[in-house]
Amino acid sequence: MSVSFTGEEGPDDPGGYIREESQIGAVYVPMHGVLIEDGAAIRYERYPWIEKFELDGIKPAPVCCVVPLS
């Protein structure tokens, strides 16, 4: 699953994505093909050797449940 983030300004209504603000900037999650559970969170982690984020409660939907974008 692809989730992206940026520290720059982006569109408020990005087509096909949900935009959420986080401590690292705007996070874009696909609207379709993703299951978002209650309490879902995006955690930013910084270590001396890497900066990354972890997705809790955000998973790819099973193929049977994916709604294609028209």
C-alpha atoms as a PDB file:
ATOM      1  CA  MET A   1       0.000   0.000   0.000  1.00  0.00           C
ATOM      2  CA  SER A   2       1.270   3.436  -0.833  1.00  0.00           C
ATOM      3  CA  VAL A   3       0.802   6.284   1.615  1.00  0.00           C
ATOM      4  CA  SER A   4       2.712   9.498   1.123  1.00  0.00           C
ATOM      5  CA  PHE A   5       3.449  12.601   3.115  1.00  0.00           C
ATOM      6  CA  THR A   6       4.867  16.011   2.429  1.00  0.00           C
ATOM      7  CA  GLY A   7       5.916  18.997   4.473  1.00  0.00           C
ATOM      8  CA  GLU A   8       4.753  21.312   1.692  1.00  0.00           C
ATOM      9  CA  GLU A   9       1.324  22.728   0.998  1.00  0.00           C
ATOM     10  CA  GLY A  10      -0.831  20.497  -1.140  1.00  0.00           C
ATOM     11  CA  PRO A  11      -4.412  20.522  -2.358  1.00  0.00           C
ATOM     12  CA  ASP A  12      -7.119  20.541   0.340  1.00  0.00           C
ATOM     13  CA  ASP A  13      -9.173  18.113  -1.753  1.00  0.00           C
ATOM     14  CA  PRO A  14      -6.692  15.746  -3.432  1.00  0.00           C
ATOM     15  CA  GLY A  15      -8.584  13.550  -5.890  1.00  0.00           C
ATOM     16  CA  GLY A  16      -8.900   9.959  -4.637  1.00  0.00           C
ATOM     17  CA  TYR A  17      -7.084  10.611  -1.336  1.00  0.00           C
ATOM     18  CA  ILE A  18      -7.932  11.582   2.228  1.00  0.00           C
ATOM     19  CA  ARG A  19      -5.682  14.338   3.553  1.00  0.00           C
ATOM     20  CA  GLU A  20      -4.749  14.347   7.249  1.00  0.00           C
ATOM     21  CA  GLU A  21      -2.354  16.631   9.088  1.00  0.00           C
ATOM     22  CA  SER A  22       0.386  15.028  11.166  1.00  0.00           C
ATOM     23  CA  GLN A  23       3.477  16.152  13.034  1.00  0.00           C
ATOM     24  CA  ILE A  24       5.488  15.731   9.818  1.00  0.00           C
ATOM     25  CA  GLY A  25       3.081  17.518   7.476  1.00  0.00           C
ATOM     26  CA  ALA A  26       0.166  16.464   5.287  1.00  0.00           C
ATOM     27  CA  VAL A  27      -0.457  12.710   4.930  1.00  0.00           C
ATOM     28  CA  TYR A  28      -2.381  11.368   1.932  1.00  0.00           C
ATOM     29  CA  VAL A  29      -4.151   7.984   2.246  1.00  0.00           C
ATOM     30  CA  PRO A  30      -6.027   6.427  -0.722  1.00  0.00           C
ATOM     31  CA  MET A  31      -9.842   6.595  -0.364  1.00  0.00           C
ATOM     32  CA  HIS A  32     -10.414   3.215  -2.007  1.00  0.00           C
ATOM     33  CA  GLY A  33      -8.685  -0.102  -1.448  1.00  0.00           C
ATOM     34  CA  VAL A  34      -7.898   0.703   2.190  1.00  0.00           C
ATOM     35  CA  LEU A  35      -9.489  -0.421   5.460  1.00  0.00           C
ATOM     36  CA  ILE A  36      -9.242   2.178   8.220  1.00  0.00           C
ATOM     37  CA  GLU A  37     -10.026   0.857  11.707  1.00  0.00           C
ATOM     38  CA  ASP A  38     -11.245   2.913  14.685  1.00  0.00           C
ATOM     39  CA  GLY A  39      -8.330   4.570  16.419  1.00  0.00           C
ATOM     40  CA  ALA A  40      -6.142   4.481  13.306  1.00  0.00           C
ATOM     41  CA  ALA A  41      -2.977   6.505  13.688  1.00  0.00           C
ATOM     42  CA  ILE A  42       0.116   7.502  11.780  1.00  0.00           C
ATOM     43  CA  ARG A  43       3.173   7.515  14.056  1.00  0.00           C
ATOM     44  CA  TYR A  44       6.298   9.402  13.093  1.00  0.00           C
ATOM     45  CA  GLU A  45       9.525   7.940  14.467  1.00  0.00           C
ATOM     46  CA  ARG A  46      12.976   9.477  14.342  1.00  0.00           C
ATOM     47  CA  TYR A  47      16.173   7.541  14.960  1.00  0.00           C
ATOM     48  CA  PRO A  48      19.787   8.660  14.413  1.00  0.00           C
ATOM     49  CA  TRP A  49      19.971   6.494  11.271  1.00  0.00           C
ATOM     50  CA  ILE A  50      16.440   6.901   9.813  1.00  0.00           C
ATOM     51  CA  GLU A  51      13.202   8.872   9.964  1.00  0.00           C
ATOM     52  CA  LYS A  52      10.029   6.909   9.210  1.00  0.00           C
ATOM     53  CA  PHE A  53       6.357   6.598   9.916  1.00  0.00           C
ATOM     54  CA  GLU A  54       4.280   3.588  10.938  1.00  0.00           C
ATOM     55  CA  LEU A  55       0.618   3.041  10.130  1.00  0.00           C
ATOM     56  CA  ASP A  56      -1.561   1.609  12.906  1.00  0.00           C
ATOM     57  CA  GLY A  57      -5.048   0.467  11.910  1.00  0.00           C
ATOM     58  CA  ILE A  58      -4.634   1.253   8.195  1.00  0.00           C
ATOM     59  CA  LYS A  59      -4.454  -1.832   5.978  1.00  0.00           C
ATOM     60  CA  PRO A  60      -4.931  -2.770   2.321  1.00  0.00           C
ATOM     61  CA  ALA A  61      -8.460  -4.007   1.619  1.00  0.00           C
ATOM     62  CA  PRO A  62      -8.885  -7.588   0.417  1.00  0.00           C
ATOM     63  CA  VAL A  63      -9.110  -7.735  -3.378  1.00  0.00           C
ATOM     64  CA  CYS A  64     -12.810  -8.644  -3.155  1.00  0.00           C
ATOM     65  CA  CYS A  65     -13.546  -5.310  -1.424  1.00  0.00           C
ATOM     66  CA  VAL A  66     -11.606  -2.868  -3.602  1.00  0.00           C
ATOM     67  CA  VAL A  67     -13.768  -0.329  -5.431  1.00  0.00           C
ATOM     68  CA  PRO A  68     -11.988   0.880  -8.585  1.00  0.00           C
ATOM     69  CA  LEU A  69     -11.759   4.604  -9.249  1.00  0.00           C
ATOM     70  CA  SER A  70     -13.707   5.468 -12.388  1.00  0.00           C
END
